[in-house]
Protein backbone atom coordinates (compact mmCIF):
# COMPACT_ATOMS: atom_id res chain seq x y z
CA UNK A 1 -80.78 46.71 102.20
CA UNK A 2 -81.12 43.44 100.35
CA UNK A 3 -84.68 42.62 101.35
CA UNK A 4 -87.08 42.31 98.42
CA UNK A 5 -90.66 43.45 98.91
CA UNK A 6 -93.03 41.27 100.93
CA UNK A 7 -95.29 41.23 97.87
CA UNK A 8 -92.60 39.53 95.78
CA UNK A 9 -91.96 37.02 98.56
CA UNK A 10 -95.63 36.13 98.62
CA UNK A 11 -95.84 35.95 94.85
CA UNK A 12 -92.89 33.54 94.68
CA UNK A 13 -94.26 31.44 97.52
CA UNK A 14 -97.64 31.13 95.85
CA UNK A 15 -96.11 30.41 92.48
CA UNK A 16 -93.87 27.67 93.84
CA UNK A 17 -96.28 26.07 96.32
CA UNK A 18 -97.38 22.62 95.35
CA UNK A 19 -94.50 22.05 92.91
CA UNK A 20 -91.74 19.49 93.40
CA UNK A 21 -89.16 22.14 94.35
CA UNK A 22 -90.49 22.59 97.89
CA UNK A 23 -88.85 20.41 100.49
CA UNK A 24 -87.00 18.40 97.87
CA UNK A 25 -83.44 19.40 98.59
CA UNK A 26 -83.25 22.11 101.19
CA UNK A 27 -80.86 21.78 104.08
CA UNK A 28 -82.56 22.79 107.30
CA UNK A 29 -79.19 23.09 109.04
CA UNK A 30 -77.89 25.59 106.50
CA UNK A 31 -78.52 29.24 107.28
CA UNK A 32 -80.38 31.13 104.59
CA UNK A 33 -80.82 34.88 104.81
CA UNK A 34 -82.57 35.44 101.49
CA UNK A 35 -85.67 37.56 101.80
CA UNK A 36 -87.42 35.05 99.52
CA UNK A 37 -87.78 32.21 102.01
CA UNK A 38 -89.26 29.85 99.42
CA UNK A 39 -86.02 29.94 97.45
CA UNK A 40 -84.12 28.47 100.40
CA UNK A 41 -86.06 25.22 99.99
CA UNK A 42 -85.41 24.70 96.30
CA UNK A 43 -83.35 21.64 95.28
CA UNK A 44 -80.28 23.30 93.80
CA UNK A 45 -78.64 19.97 93.02
CA UNK A 46 -77.05 20.95 89.72
CA UNK A 47 -74.43 23.64 89.16
CA UNK A 48 -75.02 25.19 85.73
CA UNK A 49 -71.85 26.39 84.02
CA UNK A 50 -72.10 28.49 80.88
CA UNK A 51 -69.25 28.63 78.39
CA UNK A 52 -68.95 29.91 74.82
CA UNK A 53 -72.00 31.54 73.22
CA UNK A 54 -75.31 30.68 74.90
CA UNK A 55 -78.80 31.97 74.14
CA UNK A 56 -81.62 31.67 76.65
CA UNK A 57 -85.15 32.25 75.35
CA UNK A 58 -87.11 32.98 78.51
CA UNK A 59 -90.37 32.32 76.67
CA UNK A 60 -89.65 28.63 76.14
CA UNK A 61 -86.23 27.53 77.43
CA UNK A 62 -86.26 24.19 79.25
CA UNK A 63 -83.62 25.52 81.66
CA UNK A 64 -86.30 27.65 83.32
CA UNK A 65 -86.84 25.54 86.46
CA UNK A 66 -89.86 27.62 87.42
CA UNK A 67 -92.12 30.10 85.66
CA UNK A 68 -93.45 32.67 88.09
CA UNK A 69 -96.65 34.52 87.17
CA UNK A 70 -96.70 38.31 86.94
CA UNK A 71 -98.28 40.68 89.38
CA UNK A 72 -98.08 44.00 87.60
CA UNK A 73 -99.96 45.81 90.36
CA UNK A 74 -97.03 45.03 92.67
CA UNK A 75 -94.33 45.56 90.08
CA UNK A 76 -93.49 41.90 89.53
CA UNK A 77 -93.12 40.70 85.92
CA UNK A 78 -93.34 37.10 84.79
CA UNK A 79 -90.03 35.38 85.54
CA UNK A 80 -88.02 32.54 84.07
CA UNK A 81 -86.06 31.16 87.07
CA UNK A 82 -82.85 29.15 86.67
CA UNK A 83 -81.45 27.67 89.88
CA UNK A 84 -78.25 25.90 90.85
CA UNK A 85 -76.10 24.97 93.82
CA UNK A 86 -73.58 27.26 92.13
CA UNK A 87 -74.01 29.14 88.86
CA UNK A 88 -70.99 30.15 86.80
CA UNK A 89 -70.57 32.11 83.59
CA UNK A 90 -67.02 31.33 82.52
CA UNK A 91 -64.44 33.80 81.29
CA UNK A 92 -64.96 34.80 77.63
CA UNK A 93 -68.45 33.23 77.65
CA UNK A 94 -71.46 35.27 76.51
CA UNK A 95 -74.92 34.40 77.81
CA UNK A 96 -77.58 36.37 75.97
CA UNK A 97 -81.18 36.28 77.25
CA UNK A 98 -84.16 37.24 75.11
CA UNK A 99 -87.84 36.43 75.34
CA UNK A 100 -91.04 37.66 76.91
CA UNK A 101 -90.13 36.86 80.52
CA UNK A 102 -87.56 38.58 82.71
CA UNK A 103 -84.67 36.36 83.79
CA UNK A 104 -83.82 35.25 87.34
CA UNK A 105 -80.65 33.33 88.29
CA UNK A 106 -80.70 31.97 91.85
CA UNK A 107 -77.80 30.07 93.48
CA UNK A 108 -77.55 28.36 96.86
CA UNK A 109 -73.82 29.07 96.97
CA UNK A 110 -71.74 31.27 94.65
CA UNK A 111 -73.18 33.01 91.61
CA UNK A 112 -70.06 33.94 89.66
CA UNK A 113 -69.86 35.96 86.46
CA UNK A 114 -66.44 35.95 84.78
CA UNK A 115 -67.85 36.39 81.26
CA UNK A 116 -70.83 38.38 79.97
CA UNK A 117 -74.51 38.14 80.94
CA UNK A 118 -76.51 40.24 78.50
CA UNK A 119 -80.25 40.98 78.70
CA UNK A 120 -79.86 44.06 76.50
CA UNK A 121 -81.84 44.89 73.38
CA UNK A 122 -79.74 45.30 70.23
CA UNK A 123 -80.27 47.16 66.97
CA UNK A 124 -77.29 45.56 65.25
CA UNK A 125 -78.14 42.51 63.18
CA UNK A 126 -74.62 41.11 63.42
CA UNK A 127 -75.49 39.36 66.68
CA UNK A 128 -77.91 37.08 64.83
CA UNK A 129 -78.18 37.02 61.07
CA UNK A 130 -81.88 36.18 60.86
CA UNK A 131 -83.28 39.27 62.59
CA UNK A 132 -82.61 43.00 62.53
CA UNK A 133 -83.14 43.56 66.25
CA UNK A 134 -82.81 41.48 69.41
CA UNK A 135 -85.19 42.22 72.28
CA UNK A 136 -83.80 41.72 75.78
CA UNK A 137 -85.43 39.40 78.31
CA UNK A 138 -88.70 40.84 79.57
CA UNK A 139 -88.48 44.03 77.47
CA UNK A 140 -91.81 45.50 76.42
CA UNK A 141 -92.96 46.67 79.85
CA UNK A 142 -95.79 49.12 80.29
CA UNK A 143 -94.34 52.63 80.23
CA UNK A 144 -95.69 56.19 80.42
CA UNK A 145 -97.11 57.64 77.21
CA UNK A 146 -94.98 60.03 75.19
CA UNK A 147 -95.85 63.67 75.80
CA UNK A 148 -96.01 64.51 72.08
CA UNK A 149 -95.90 62.61 68.82
CA UNK A 150 -93.39 63.76 66.21
CA UNK A 151 -94.81 65.66 63.26
CA UNK A 152 -94.49 64.49 59.69
CA UNK A 153 -94.95 65.81 56.16
CA UNK A 154 -93.71 65.42 52.61
CA UNK A 155 -91.00 68.05 53.17
CA UNK A 156 -89.58 66.38 56.26
CA UNK A 157 -90.44 64.38 59.38
CA UNK A 158 -89.42 65.13 62.95
CA UNK A 159 -87.45 62.85 65.25
CA UNK A 160 -88.95 60.55 67.86
CA UNK A 161 -88.20 60.95 71.56
CA UNK A 162 -85.98 58.58 73.50
CA UNK A 163 -87.46 56.17 76.02
CA UNK A 164 -87.70 57.40 79.62
CA UNK A 165 -87.07 55.22 82.68
CA UNK A 166 -85.14 56.42 85.73
CA UNK A 167 -84.63 59.69 83.86
CA UNK A 168 -86.19 61.38 80.84
CA UNK A 169 -85.35 60.41 77.28
CA UNK A 170 -84.09 63.05 74.88
CA UNK A 171 -86.58 64.99 72.75
CA UNK A 172 -86.78 64.42 69.02
CA UNK A 173 -85.43 67.11 66.71
CA UNK A 174 -87.74 69.27 64.57
CA UNK A 175 -88.08 68.64 60.86
CA UNK A 176 -88.43 71.02 57.90
CA UNK A 177 -87.27 73.90 60.10
CA UNK A 178 -87.14 76.45 57.26
CA UNK A 179 -90.77 75.96 56.24
CA UNK A 180 -93.48 74.11 58.19
CA UNK A 181 -91.21 73.44 61.19
CA UNK A 182 -92.78 70.16 62.30
CA UNK A 183 -92.25 69.55 66.02
CA UNK A 184 -90.22 66.67 67.35
CA UNK A 185 -91.53 64.06 69.76
CA UNK A 186 -91.40 64.69 73.48
CA UNK A 187 -90.54 61.95 76.01
CA UNK A 188 -92.82 60.63 78.70
CA UNK A 189 -92.11 61.33 82.35
CA UNK A 190 -89.50 59.34 84.22
CA UNK A 191 -90.99 56.41 86.12
CA UNK A 192 -91.68 56.83 89.82
CA UNK A 193 -90.32 54.35 92.35
CA UNK A 194 -93.80 52.83 92.61
CA UNK A 195 -94.00 52.42 88.84
CA UNK A 196 -90.55 50.80 88.70
CA UNK A 197 -91.61 48.36 91.43
CA UNK A 198 -89.47 45.33 92.17
CA UNK A 199 -88.27 44.55 88.66
CA UNK A 200 -89.15 46.46 85.49
CA UNK A 201 -87.67 46.28 82.00
CA UNK A 202 -86.75 49.40 80.04
CA UNK A 203 -88.95 51.58 77.84
CA UNK A 204 -88.84 51.74 74.06
CA UNK A 205 -88.00 54.87 72.09
CA UNK A 206 -90.55 56.61 69.90
CA UNK A 207 -90.73 56.16 66.16
CA UNK A 208 -89.74 59.09 63.95
CA UNK A 209 -92.17 61.21 61.95
CA UNK A 210 -92.91 60.10 58.39
CA UNK A 211 -92.22 61.89 55.13
CA UNK A 212 -93.00 60.09 51.86
CA UNK A 213 -91.59 57.04 53.68
CA UNK A 214 -91.80 55.91 57.29
CA UNK A 215 -89.70 57.34 60.05
CA UNK A 216 -87.17 55.18 61.86
CA UNK A 217 -88.40 52.75 64.51
CA UNK A 218 -87.66 53.49 68.14
CA UNK A 219 -85.15 51.24 69.87
CA UNK A 220 -86.42 48.64 72.32
CA UNK A 221 -85.74 49.16 76.03
CA UNK A 222 -83.24 46.98 77.85
CA UNK A 223 -84.36 43.77 79.55
CA UNK A 224 -84.64 42.88 83.23
CA UNK A 225 -82.64 40.41 85.33
CA UNK A 226 -82.74 39.39 88.99
CA UNK A 227 -79.63 37.71 90.48
CA UNK A 228 -79.70 36.11 93.92
CA UNK A 229 -77.47 33.93 96.08
CA UNK A 230 -77.59 32.74 99.65
CA UNK A 231 -73.85 33.49 99.88
CA UNK A 232 -72.28 35.73 97.22
CA UNK A 233 -72.89 37.21 93.80
CA UNK A 234 -69.59 38.19 92.20
CA UNK A 235 -68.86 39.97 88.93
CA UNK A 236 -65.11 39.73 88.65
CA UNK A 237 -62.23 39.63 86.20
CA UNK A 238 -63.70 40.45 82.79
CA UNK A 239 -67.22 39.85 84.12
CA UNK A 240 -69.98 42.04 82.72
CA UNK A 241 -73.76 42.37 83.13
CA UNK A 242 -75.68 44.44 80.58
CA UNK A 243 -79.32 45.54 80.38
CA UNK A 244 -78.88 48.27 77.78
CA UNK A 245 -81.39 49.82 75.40
CA UNK A 246 -81.21 49.50 71.62
CA UNK A 247 -80.39 52.38 69.31
CA UNK A 248 -83.13 54.08 67.31
CA UNK A 249 -83.31 53.34 63.60
CA UNK A 250 -82.36 56.04 61.13
CA UNK A 251 -85.22 57.66 59.23
CA UNK A 252 -85.85 56.96 55.54
CA UNK A 253 -85.26 59.78 53.04
CA UNK A 254 -86.55 63.03 54.62
CA UNK A 255 -88.10 61.06 57.51
CA UNK A 256 -87.33 61.46 61.21
CA UNK A 257 -85.01 59.18 63.19
CA UNK A 258 -86.33 56.90 65.91
CA UNK A 259 -85.61 57.51 69.59
CA UNK A 260 -83.23 55.27 71.51
CA UNK A 261 -84.57 52.74 74.02
CA UNK A 262 -83.91 53.24 77.70
CA UNK A 263 -81.73 50.98 79.79
CA UNK A 264 -83.43 48.14 81.65
CA UNK A 265 -83.06 46.92 85.24
CA UNK A 266 -80.55 44.76 87.12
CA UNK A 267 -81.32 43.63 90.69
CA UNK A 268 -78.75 41.79 92.79
CA UNK A 269 -79.72 40.22 96.16
CA UNK A 270 -77.09 38.43 98.30
CA UNK A 271 -75.40 38.74 101.69
CA UNK A 272 -72.18 39.66 99.86
CA UNK A 273 -71.98 41.36 96.45
CA UNK A 274 -68.61 41.86 94.75
CA UNK A 275 -68.37 44.00 91.63
CA UNK A 276 -64.85 44.15 90.24
CA UNK A 277 -66.13 43.99 86.66
CA UNK A 278 -68.82 46.01 84.89
CA UNK A 279 -72.58 46.44 85.26
CA UNK A 280 -74.52 48.71 82.89
CA UNK A 281 -78.12 49.65 82.10
CA UNK A 282 -77.49 52.45 79.59
CA UNK A 283 -79.74 54.08 77.01
CA UNK A 284 -79.45 53.67 73.25
CA UNK A 285 -78.60 56.50 70.85
CA UNK A 286 -81.25 58.15 68.68
CA UNK A 287 -81.43 57.46 64.96
CA UNK A 288 -80.29 60.06 62.44
CA UNK A 289 -82.94 61.79 60.34
CA UNK A 290 -82.93 61.13 56.61
CA UNK A 291 -82.22 63.55 53.77
CA UNK A 292 -81.64 62.38 50.21
CA UNK A 293 -80.82 58.97 51.68
CA UNK A 294 -81.73 57.16 54.87
CA UNK A 295 -80.12 58.28 58.12
CA UNK A 296 -77.77 56.16 60.20
CA UNK A 297 -78.93 54.09 63.15
CA UNK A 298 -78.16 55.11 66.71
CA UNK A 299 -75.69 52.94 68.60
CA UNK A 300 -76.93 50.45 71.16
CA UNK A 301 -76.44 51.29 74.81
CA UNK A 302 -72.83 50.56 75.66
CA UNK A 303 -71.49 47.81 77.89
CA UNK A 304 -69.36 50.48 79.54
CA UNK A 305 -69.80 53.78 81.37
CA UNK A 306 -69.74 55.81 78.13
CA UNK A 307 -72.83 57.08 76.30
CA UNK A 308 -74.09 55.48 73.10
CA UNK A 309 -73.70 57.82 70.15
CA UNK A 310 -76.64 59.00 68.13
CA UNK A 311 -76.76 58.20 64.43
CA UNK A 312 -74.42 60.48 62.47
CA UNK A 313 -73.63 58.92 59.11
CA UNK A 314 -73.50 62.30 57.38
CA UNK A 315 -76.67 61.57 55.41
CA UNK A 316 -78.24 64.72 56.92
CA UNK A 317 -77.68 67.50 59.45
CA UNK A 318 -80.14 65.80 61.81
CA UNK A 319 -77.91 63.77 64.11
CA UNK A 320 -79.48 61.53 66.70
CA UNK A 321 -79.08 62.32 70.39
CA UNK A 322 -76.73 60.36 72.62
CA UNK A 323 -78.07 57.78 75.03
CA UNK A 324 -77.64 58.33 78.75
CA UNK A 325 -74.89 56.56 80.71
CA UNK A 326 -73.36 56.82 84.18
CA UNK A 327 -74.47 60.24 85.50
CA UNK A 328 -75.04 61.84 82.09
CA UNK A 329 -78.51 62.49 80.71
CA UNK A 330 -79.92 61.61 77.32
CA UNK A 331 -79.50 64.36 74.71
CA UNK A 332 -82.07 65.54 72.15
CA UNK A 333 -81.87 64.87 68.45
CA UNK A 334 -80.88 67.71 66.11
CA UNK A 335 -83.40 69.52 63.97
CA UNK A 336 -82.72 70.47 60.35
CA UNK A 337 -84.31 71.94 57.25
CA UNK A 338 -85.16 68.41 56.17
CA UNK A 339 -85.72 65.96 59.03
CA UNK A 340 -85.15 65.57 62.77
CA UNK A 341 -82.93 63.18 64.66
CA UNK A 342 -84.26 60.89 67.37
CA UNK A 343 -83.53 61.57 71.03
CA UNK A 344 -81.34 59.32 73.14
CA UNK A 345 -82.72 56.84 75.67
CA UNK A 346 -82.57 57.25 79.45
CA UNK A 347 -80.52 55.11 81.79
CA UNK A 348 -82.26 52.23 83.55
CA UNK A 349 -81.84 51.04 87.14
CA UNK A 350 -79.13 49.06 88.95
CA UNK A 351 -80.25 47.99 92.42
CA UNK A 352 -78.26 46.11 95.09
CA UNK A 353 -79.96 44.46 98.05
CA UNK A 354 -77.03 43.49 100.26
CA UNK A 355 -75.45 44.09 103.63
CA UNK A 356 -71.93 44.00 102.18
CA UNK A 357 -71.17 45.63 98.82
CA UNK A 358 -67.57 45.63 97.54
CA UNK A 359 -66.95 47.56 94.32
CA UNK A 360 -63.17 48.04 94.29
CA UNK A 361 -62.13 48.21 90.64
CA UNK A 362 -65.70 47.84 89.42
CA UNK A 363 -67.71 50.11 87.13
CA UNK A 364 -71.48 50.57 87.49
CA UNK A 365 -73.63 52.63 85.13
CA UNK A 366 -75.90 54.25 86.22
CA UNK A 367 -74.92 54.62 89.89
CA UNK A 368 -76.79 52.01 91.96
CA UNK A 369 -79.86 52.74 94.03
């Protein structure tokens, strides 16, 4: 069913009441079946079209027509809302959303994705030369505590656990297994449906255990995005939506690798939803533990149905665990006589709220709920 919770409807109504959007462009003769009745009255006069490379900072972007306050008790994060009569992401375009707020795109008519909409977190610095990691829109949600911290010591540090979300992250590998045998980190429990709520970003991986130097940082969890239309949301052609977790960073010499971040959350609400492209909320790979040199970073969650590989540069025997994807689970990091690899991150959540879902030729990872 495509009905969002009554709590979210009330939160949006309260957030939008009194602003110029109400009654300023709605068409009373046009049928609107969105569960969020307030959205039917918004003036969707423009039709945003995204081409080329576009970055949206949900913390400050002027294209956010409305900023909706959070209600964490009801599972509603703060939202940057972009509206339009129609919203289109053109073929070969990449729209990347970062920032503290989750992203919402809401169209009166068609919401069409022919290119890529990415609210993922990324370890790779090649996406932007000035930072080493990009954090997806709304990432940094409150998540369950890790069950155990990874051990550390001068002879070797253990790996951090992967972030848990709809499933459990992989455990971190043990370090210094031929001597002190320091234990790897253990993941927190998977989130319950109540904890996930209406829209929830992914959970970060755990940092690796230290040796003489720090262990690798855990990867950030994937971001969160809500897509709604009064008619159709379509992901077609080469269209892709990603809310994947970042890979864990490799540990310094003898230090443990960081755990991969979990996938985030993608919610689609429309009378008709067509997925002939790709939607993914996959976990990142765990970082490799260090030996004489630093370990390799885990791969970011893939914009595909394949798992992200754990770090395995050959610097040590402590490979990172693979991130979860599709119906596979996150794998633990390897232990070694020096350090431990980080565990892979869990998958996130893909949720459709529709009366008519068409997925011929489409790929969705993990399977939708």
